[in-house]
Amino acid sequence: MKPITQHVVPHPKGWALKRGGSERATKVFTTQGQAINYGQDVSRNQGAEFFVHGRNGRIRERTSYGNDPFPPRG
């Protein structure tokens, strides 16, 4: 089973939260901060990986809200 991912990405109307692999936005926001706050809540509830993309589309932050091994290997 593929892990669930949520992405904050640039959108023509501002910033959007999209589920990984989806073409359509879950929700669109006017600011990136609003999209990040909403995306973090959704990702926590789903135990998902959370990615924040910059204006250029490249990933600038990544957070995991589930399925992390504890204790970490190393």
PDB file of N, CA and C in Angstrom:
ATOM      1  N   MET A   1       0.839  -1.174   0.000  1.00  0.00           N
ATOM      2  CA  MET A   1       0.000   0.000   0.000  1.00  0.00           C
ATOM      3  C   MET A   1       0.887   1.243   0.000  1.00  0.00           C
ATOM      4  N   LYS A   2       0.597   2.166  -0.899  1.00  0.00           N
ATOM      5  CA  LYS A   2       1.365   3.400  -0.987  1.00  0.00           C
ATOM      6  C   LYS A   2       1.035   4.296   0.196  1.00  0.00           C
ATOM      7  N   PRO A   3       2.046   4.955   0.738  1.00  0.00           N
ATOM      8  CA  PRO A   3       1.763   5.892   1.833  1.00  0.00           C
ATOM      9  C   PRO A   3       0.988   7.107   1.327  1.00  0.00           C
ATOM     10  N   ILE A   4       0.169   7.672   2.199  1.00  0.00           N
ATOM     11  CA  ILE A   4      -0.604   8.859   1.857  1.00  0.00           C
ATOM     12  C   ILE A   4       0.317  10.068   1.944  1.00  0.00           C
ATOM     13  N   THR A   5       0.230  10.949   0.945  1.00  0.00           N
ATOM     14  CA  THR A   5       0.997  12.189   0.977  1.00  0.00           C
ATOM     15  C   THR A   5       0.064  13.362   0.720  1.00  0.00           C
ATOM     16  N   GLN A   6       0.387  14.484   1.333  1.00  0.00           N
ATOM     17  CA  GLN A   6      -0.327  15.739   1.118  1.00  0.00           C
ATOM     18  C   GLN A   6       0.706  16.782   0.704  1.00  0.00           C
ATOM     19  N   HIS A   7       0.345  17.629  -0.272  1.00  0.00           N
ATOM     20  CA  HIS A   7       1.273  18.607  -0.823  1.00  0.00           C
ATOM     21  C   HIS A   7       0.642  19.994  -0.849  1.00  0.00           C
ATOM     22  N   VAL A   8       1.390  21.008  -0.387  1.00  0.00           N
ATOM     23  CA  VAL A   8       1.003  22.409  -0.563  1.00  0.00           C
ATOM     24  C   VAL A   8       1.743  22.870  -1.808  1.00  0.00           C
ATOM     25  N   VAL A   9       0.977  23.281  -2.828  1.00  0.00           N
ATOM     26  CA  VAL A   9       1.558  23.635  -4.125  1.00  0.00           C
ATOM     27  C   VAL A   9       1.014  24.975  -4.618  1.00  0.00           C
ATOM     28  N   PRO A  10       1.781  25.663  -5.490  1.00  0.00           N
ATOM     29  CA  PRO A  10       1.263  26.894  -6.081  1.00  0.00           C
ATOM     30  C   PRO A  10       0.016  26.611  -6.912  1.00  0.00           C
ATOM     31  N   HIS A  11      -0.899  27.566  -6.939  1.00  0.00           N
ATOM     32  CA  HIS A  11      -2.167  27.428  -7.661  1.00  0.00           C
ATOM     33  C   HIS A  11      -2.474  28.780  -8.300  1.00  0.00           C
ATOM     34  N   PRO A  12      -3.167  28.826  -9.435  1.00  0.00           N
ATOM     35  CA  PRO A  12      -3.480  30.117 -10.065  1.00  0.00           C
ATOM     36  C   PRO A  12      -4.205  31.100  -9.135  1.00  0.00           C
ATOM     37  N   LYS A  13      -4.952  30.595  -8.159  1.00  0.00           N
ATOM     38  CA  LYS A  13      -5.677  31.467  -7.230  1.00  0.00           C
ATOM     39  C   LYS A  13      -4.968  31.604  -5.883  1.00  0.00           C
ATOM     40  N   GLY A  14      -3.722  31.171  -5.786  1.00  0.00           N
ATOM     41  CA  GLY A  14      -2.967  31.264  -4.531  1.00  0.00           C
ATOM     42  C   GLY A  14      -2.170  30.002  -4.278  1.00  0.00           C
ATOM     43  N   TRP A  15      -2.593  29.249  -3.255  1.00  0.00           N
ATOM     44  CA  TRP A  15      -1.930  28.001  -2.857  1.00  0.00           C
ATOM     45  C   TRP A  15      -2.975  26.929  -2.646  1.00  0.00           C
ATOM     46  N   ALA A  16      -2.619  25.690  -2.965  1.00  0.00           N
ATOM     47  CA  ALA A  16      -3.576  24.592  -2.857  1.00  0.00           C
ATOM     48  C   ALA A  16      -2.986  23.443  -2.051  1.00  0.00           C
ATOM     49  N   LEU A  17      -3.872  22.706  -1.388  1.00  0.00           N
ATOM     50  CA  LEU A  17      -3.513  21.441  -0.764  1.00  0.00           C
ATOM     51  C   LEU A  17      -4.000  20.352  -1.698  1.00  0.00           C
ATOM     52  N   LYS A  18      -3.077  19.460  -2.083  1.00  0.00           N
ATOM     53  CA  LYS A  18      -3.417  18.349  -2.968  1.00  0.00           C
ATOM     54  C   LYS A  18      -2.945  17.042  -2.350  1.00  0.00           C
ATOM     55  N   ARG A  19      -3.742  16.018  -2.499  1.00  0.00           N
ATOM     56  CA  ARG A  19      -3.320  14.677  -2.097  1.00  0.00           C
ATOM     57  C   ARG A  19      -2.377  14.155  -3.172  1.00  0.00           C
ATOM     58  N   GLY A  20      -1.339  13.442  -2.779  1.00  0.00           N
ATOM     59  CA  GLY A  20      -0.378  12.892  -3.734  1.00  0.00           C
ATOM     60  C   GLY A  20      -1.060  12.044  -4.790  1.00  0.00           C
ATOM     61  N   GLY A  21      -0.733  12.290  -6.063  1.00  0.00           N
ATOM     62  CA  GLY A  21      -1.306  11.542  -7.169  1.00  0.00           C
ATOM     63  C   GLY A  21      -2.600  12.116  -7.700  1.00  0.00           C
ATOM     64  N   SER A  22      -3.147  13.120  -7.054  1.00  0.00           N
ATOM     65  CA  SER A  22      -4.417  13.717  -7.471  1.00  0.00           C
ATOM     66  C   SER A  22      -4.159  14.928  -8.363  1.00  0.00           C
ATOM     67  N   GLU A  23      -5.000  15.107  -9.365  1.00  0.00           N
ATOM     68  CA  GLU A  23      -4.916  16.272 -10.241  1.00  0.00           C
ATOM     69  C   GLU A  23      -5.634  17.473  -9.623  1.00  0.00           C
ATOM     70  N   ARG A  24      -6.707  17.220  -8.893  1.00  0.00           N
ATOM     71  CA  ARG A  24      -7.532  18.291  -8.330  1.00  0.00           C
ATOM     72  C   ARG A  24      -7.078  18.669  -6.930  1.00  0.00           C
ATOM     73  N   ALA A  25      -7.253  19.936  -6.615  1.00  0.00           N
ATOM     74  CA  ALA A  25      -6.909  20.433  -5.286  1.00  0.00           C
ATOM     75  C   ALA A  25      -7.988  20.034  -4.281  1.00  0.00           C
ATOM     76  N   THR A  26      -7.557  19.682  -3.078  1.00  0.00           N
ATOM     77  CA  THR A  26      -8.491  19.421  -1.991  1.00  0.00           C
ATOM     78  C   THR A  26      -9.149  20.726  -1.576  1.00  0.00           C
ATOM     79  N   LYS A  27      -8.321  21.778  -1.452  1.00  0.00           N
ATOM     80  CA  LYS A  27      -8.803  23.092  -1.046  1.00  0.00           C
ATOM     81  C   LYS A  27      -7.801  24.130  -1.516  1.00  0.00           C
ATOM     82  N   VAL A  28      -8.282  25.336  -1.861  1.00  0.00           N
ATOM     83  CA  VAL A  28      -7.424  26.419  -2.337  1.00  0.00           C
ATOM     84  C   VAL A  28      -7.451  27.554  -1.318  1.00  0.00           C
ATOM     85  N   PHE A  29      -6.282  28.173  -1.086  1.00  0.00           N
ATOM     86  CA  PHE A  29      -6.117  29.239  -0.104  1.00  0.00           C
ATOM     87  C   PHE A  29      -5.461  30.443  -0.763  1.00  0.00           C
ATOM     88  N   THR A  30      -5.654  31.622  -0.162  1.00  0.00           N
ATOM     89  CA  THR A  30      -5.021  32.823  -0.705  1.00  0.00           C
ATOM     90  C   THR A  30      -3.557  32.928  -0.289  1.00  0.00           C
ATOM     91  N   THR A  31      -3.191  32.373   0.878  1.00  0.00           N
ATOM     92  CA  THR A  31      -1.795  32.431   1.321  1.00  0.00           C
ATOM     93  C   THR A  31      -1.231  31.036   1.545  1.00  0.00           C
ATOM     94  N   GLN A  32       0.087  30.950   1.425  1.00  0.00           N
ATOM     95  CA  GLN A  32       0.750  29.675   1.661  1.00  0.00           C
ATOM     96  C   GLN A  32       0.632  29.271   3.129  1.00  0.00           C
ATOM     97  N   GLY A  33       0.672  30.239   4.037  1.00  0.00           N
ATOM     98  CA  GLY A  33       0.556  29.941   5.466  1.00  0.00           C
ATOM     99  C   GLY A  33      -0.755  29.264   5.811  1.00  0.00           C
ATOM    100  N   GLN A  34      -1.858  29.747   5.223  1.00  0.00           N
ATOM    101  CA  GLN A  34      -3.168  29.121   5.462  1.00  0.00           C
ATOM    102  C   GLN A  34      -3.168  27.689   4.948  1.00  0.00           C
ATOM    103  N   ALA A  35      -2.585  27.483   3.773  1.00  0.00           N
ATOM    104  CA  ALA A  35      -2.533  26.138   3.185  1.00  0.00           C
ATOM    105  C   ALA A  35      -1.689  25.202   4.045  1.00  0.00           C
ATOM    106  N   ILE A  36      -0.583  25.707   4.577  1.00  0.00           N
ATOM    107  CA  ILE A  36       0.290  24.884   5.424  1.00  0.00           C
ATOM    108  C   ILE A  36      -0.433  24.484   6.707  1.00  0.00           C
ATOM    109  N   ASN A  37      -1.082  25.435   7.369  1.00  0.00           N
ATOM    110  CA  ASN A  37      -1.806  25.117   8.606  1.00  0.00           C
ATOM    111  C   ASN A  37      -2.875  24.060   8.379  1.00  0.00           C
ATOM    112  N   TYR A  38      -3.666  24.217   7.331  1.00  0.00           N
ATOM    113  CA  TYR A  38      -4.714  23.248   7.020  1.00  0.00           C
ATOM    114  C   TYR A  38      -4.094  21.892   6.652  1.00  0.00           C
ATOM    115  N   GLY A  39      -3.045  21.935   5.837  1.00  0.00           N
ATOM    116  CA  GLY A  39      -2.381  20.698   5.403  1.00  0.00           C
ATOM    117  C   GLY A  39      -1.773  19.919   6.546  1.00  0.00           C
ATOM    118  N   GLN A  40      -1.215  20.628   7.532  1.00  0.00           N
ATOM    119  CA  GLN A  40      -0.649  19.942   8.700  1.00  0.00           C
ATOM    120  C   GLN A  40      -1.741  19.223   9.482  1.00  0.00           C
ATOM    121  N   ASP A  41      -2.883  19.864   9.655  1.00  0.00           N
ATOM    122  CA  ASP A  41      -3.999  19.223  10.368  1.00  0.00           C
ATOM    123  C   ASP A  41      -4.476  17.976   9.636  1.00  0.00           C
ATOM    124  N   VAL A  42      -4.656  18.096   8.330  1.00  0.00           N
ATOM    125  CA  VAL A  42      -5.108  16.952   7.521  1.00  0.00           C
ATOM    126  C   VAL A  42      -4.081  15.822   7.593  1.00  0.00           C
ATOM    127  N   SER A  43      -2.805  16.163   7.462  1.00  0.00           N
ATOM    128  CA  SER A  43      -1.746  15.151   7.477  1.00  0.00           C
ATOM    129  C   SER A  43      -1.658  14.443   8.827  1.00  0.00           C
ATOM    130  N   ARG A  44      -1.818  15.193   9.911  1.00  0.00           N
ATOM    131  CA  ARG A  44      -1.819  14.568  11.243  1.00  0.00           C
ATOM    132  C   ARG A  44      -2.963  13.574  11.364  1.00  0.00           C
ATOM    133  N   ASN A  45      -4.151  13.973  10.924  1.00  0.00           N
ATOM    134  CA  ASN A  45      -5.326  13.100  11.015  1.00  0.00           C
ATOM    135  C   ASN A  45      -5.178  11.846  10.176  1.00  0.00           C
ATOM    136  N   GLN A  46      -4.476  11.943   9.045  1.00  0.00           N
ATOM    137  CA  GLN A  46      -4.324  10.803   8.140  1.00  0.00           C
ATOM    138  C   GLN A  46      -3.051  10.004   8.406  1.00  0.00           C
ATOM    139  N   GLY A  47      -2.151  10.525   9.238  1.00  0.00           N
ATOM    140  CA  GLY A  47      -0.853   9.883   9.433  1.00  0.00           C
ATOM    141  C   GLY A  47      -0.044   9.922   8.147  1.00  0.00           C
ATOM    142  N   ALA A  48      -0.092  11.060   7.451  1.00  0.00           N
ATOM    143  CA  ALA A  48       0.482  11.189   6.107  1.00  0.00           C
ATOM    144  C   ALA A  48       1.831  11.902   6.117  1.00  0.00           C
ATOM    145  N   GLU A  49       2.559  11.771   5.002  1.00  0.00           N
ATOM    146  CA  GLU A  49       3.741  12.582   4.737  1.00  0.00           C
ATOM    147  C   GLU A  49       3.237  13.923   4.229  1.00  0.00           C
ATOM    148  N   PHE A  50       3.880  15.020   4.653  1.00  0.00           N
ATOM    149  CA  PHE A  50       3.440  16.360   4.297  1.00  0.00           C
ATOM    150  C   PHE A  50       4.580  17.105   3.611  1.00  0.00           C
ATOM    151  N   PHE A  51       4.316  17.637   2.419  1.00  0.00           N
ATOM    152  CA  PHE A  51       5.322  18.335   1.627  1.00  0.00           C
ATOM    153  C   PHE A  51       4.865  19.764   1.354  1.00  0.00           C
ATOM    154  N   VAL A  52       5.795  20.710   1.486  1.00  0.00           N
ATOM    155  CA  VAL A  52       5.527  22.099   1.132  1.00  0.00           C
ATOM    156  C   VAL A  52       6.420  22.441  -0.052  1.00  0.00           C
ATOM    157  N   HIS A  53       5.801  22.878  -1.143  1.00  0.00           N
ATOM    158  CA  HIS A  53       6.528  23.250  -2.347  1.00  0.00           C
ATOM    159  C   HIS A  53       6.664  24.769  -2.405  1.00  0.00           C
ATOM    160  N   GLY A  54       7.752  25.243  -2.992  1.00  0.00           N
ATOM    161  CA  GLY A  54       7.949  26.671  -3.191  1.00  0.00           C
ATOM    162  C   GLY A  54       7.247  27.130  -4.469  1.00  0.00           C
ATOM    163  N   ARG A  55       7.354  28.425  -4.775  1.00  0.00           N
ATOM    164  CA  ARG A  55       6.733  28.966  -5.991  1.00  0.00           C
ATOM    165  C   ARG A  55       7.248  28.288  -7.254  1.00  0.00           C
ATOM    166  N   ASN A  56       8.485  27.800  -7.220  1.00  0.00           N
ATOM    167  CA  ASN A  56       9.061  27.129  -8.382  1.00  0.00           C
ATOM    168  C   ASN A  56       8.617  25.669  -8.493  1.00  0.00           C
ATOM    169  N   GLY A  57       7.826  25.191  -7.532  1.00  0.00           N
ATOM    170  CA  GLY A  57       7.315  23.822  -7.566  1.00  0.00           C
ATOM    171  C   GLY A  57       8.199  22.806  -6.871  1.00  0.00           C
ATOM    172  N   ARG A  58       9.405  23.191  -6.494  1.00  0.00           N
ATOM    173  CA  ARG A  58      10.315  22.261  -5.835  1.00  0.00           C
ATOM    174  C   ARG A  58       9.978  22.137  -4.351  1.00  0.00           C
ATOM    175  N   ILE A  59      10.188  20.942  -3.806  1.00  0.00           N
ATOM    176  CA  ILE A  59       9.915  20.690  -2.388  1.00  0.00           C
ATOM    177  C   ILE A  59      10.903  21.475  -1.543  1.00  0.00           C
ATOM    178  N   ARG A  60      10.371  22.227  -0.554  1.00  0.00           N
ATOM    179  CA  ARG A  60      11.255  22.975   0.342  1.00  0.00           C
ATOM    180  C   ARG A  60      11.161  22.504   1.784  1.00  0.00           C
ATOM    181  N   GLU A  61      10.099  21.785   2.138  1.00  0.00           N
ATOM    182  CA  GLU A  61       9.947  21.215   3.484  1.00  0.00           C
ATOM    183  C   GLU A  61       9.254  19.863   3.367  1.00  0.00           C
ATOM    184  N   ARG A  62       9.599  18.986   4.318  1.00  0.00           N
ATOM    185  CA  ARG A  62       8.963  17.669   4.364  1.00  0.00           C
ATOM    186  C   ARG A  62       8.811  17.266   5.824  1.00  0.00           C
ATOM    187  N   THR A  63       7.616  16.785   6.175  1.00  0.00           N
ATOM    188  CA  THR A  63       7.344  16.337   7.536  1.00  0.00           C
ATOM    189  C   THR A  63       6.557  15.038   7.468  1.00  0.00           C
ATOM    190  N   SER A  64       6.862  14.124   8.368  1.00  0.00           N
ATOM    191  CA  SER A  64       6.134  12.860   8.436  1.00  0.00           C
ATOM    192  C   SER A  64       5.254  12.853   9.679  1.00  0.00           C
ATOM    193  N   TYR A  65       3.987  12.525   9.488  1.00  0.00           N
ATOM    194  CA  TYR A  65       3.051  12.444  10.614  1.00  0.00           C
ATOM    195  C   TYR A  65       2.595  11.013  10.872  1.00  0.00           C
ATOM    196  N   GLY A  66       3.370  10.049  10.407  1.00  0.00           N
ATOM    197  CA  GLY A  66       3.008   8.670  10.676  1.00  0.00           C
ATOM    198  C   GLY A  66       4.004   7.695  10.107  1.00  0.00           C
ATOM    199  N   ASN A  67       3.934   6.456  10.564  1.00  0.00           N
ATOM    200  CA  ASN A  67       4.741   5.352  10.065  1.00  0.00           C
ATOM    201  C   ASN A  67       6.236   5.570  10.212  1.00  0.00           C
ATOM    202  N   ASP A  68       6.653   6.343  11.196  1.00  0.00           N
ATOM    203  CA  ASP A  68       8.083   6.497  11.458  1.00  0.00           C
ATOM    204  C   ASP A  68       8.529   5.372  12.387  1.00  0.00           C
ATOM    205  N   PRO A  69       9.649   4.722  12.058  1.00  0.00           N
ATOM    206  CA  PRO A  69      10.139   3.680  12.969  1.00  0.00           C
ATOM    207  C   PRO A  69      10.662   4.303  14.255  1.00  0.00           C
ATOM    208  N   PHE A  70      10.320   3.692  15.377  1.00  0.00           N
ATOM    209  CA  PHE A  70      10.843   4.170  16.652  1.00  0.00           C
ATOM    210  C   PHE A  70      11.374   2.982  17.420  1.00  0.00           C
ATOM    211  N   PRO A  71      12.551   2.955  17.913  1.00  0.00           N
ATOM    212  CA  PRO A  71      13.545   4.011  17.759  1.00  0.00           C
ATOM    213  C   PRO A  71      14.105   4.020  16.341  1.00  0.00           C
ATOM    214  N   PRO A  72      14.615   5.179  15.902  1.00  0.00           N
ATOM    215  CA  PRO A  72      15.174   5.264  14.556  1.00  0.00           C
ATOM    216  C   PRO A  72      16.402   4.391  14.411  1.00  0.00           C
ATOM    217  N   ARG A  73      16.598   3.866  13.226  1.00  0.00           N
ATOM    218  CA  ARG A  73      17.791   3.051  12.970  1.00  0.00           C
ATOM    219  C   ARG A  73      19.007   3.957  12.935  1.00  0.00           C
ATOM    220  N   GLY A  74      20.108   3.443  13.300  1.00  0.00           N
ATOM    221  CA  GLY A  74      21.315   4.274  13.184  1.00  0.00           C
ATOM    222  C   GLY A  74      22.220   3.996  14.238  1.00  0.00           C
TER     223      GLY A  74
END
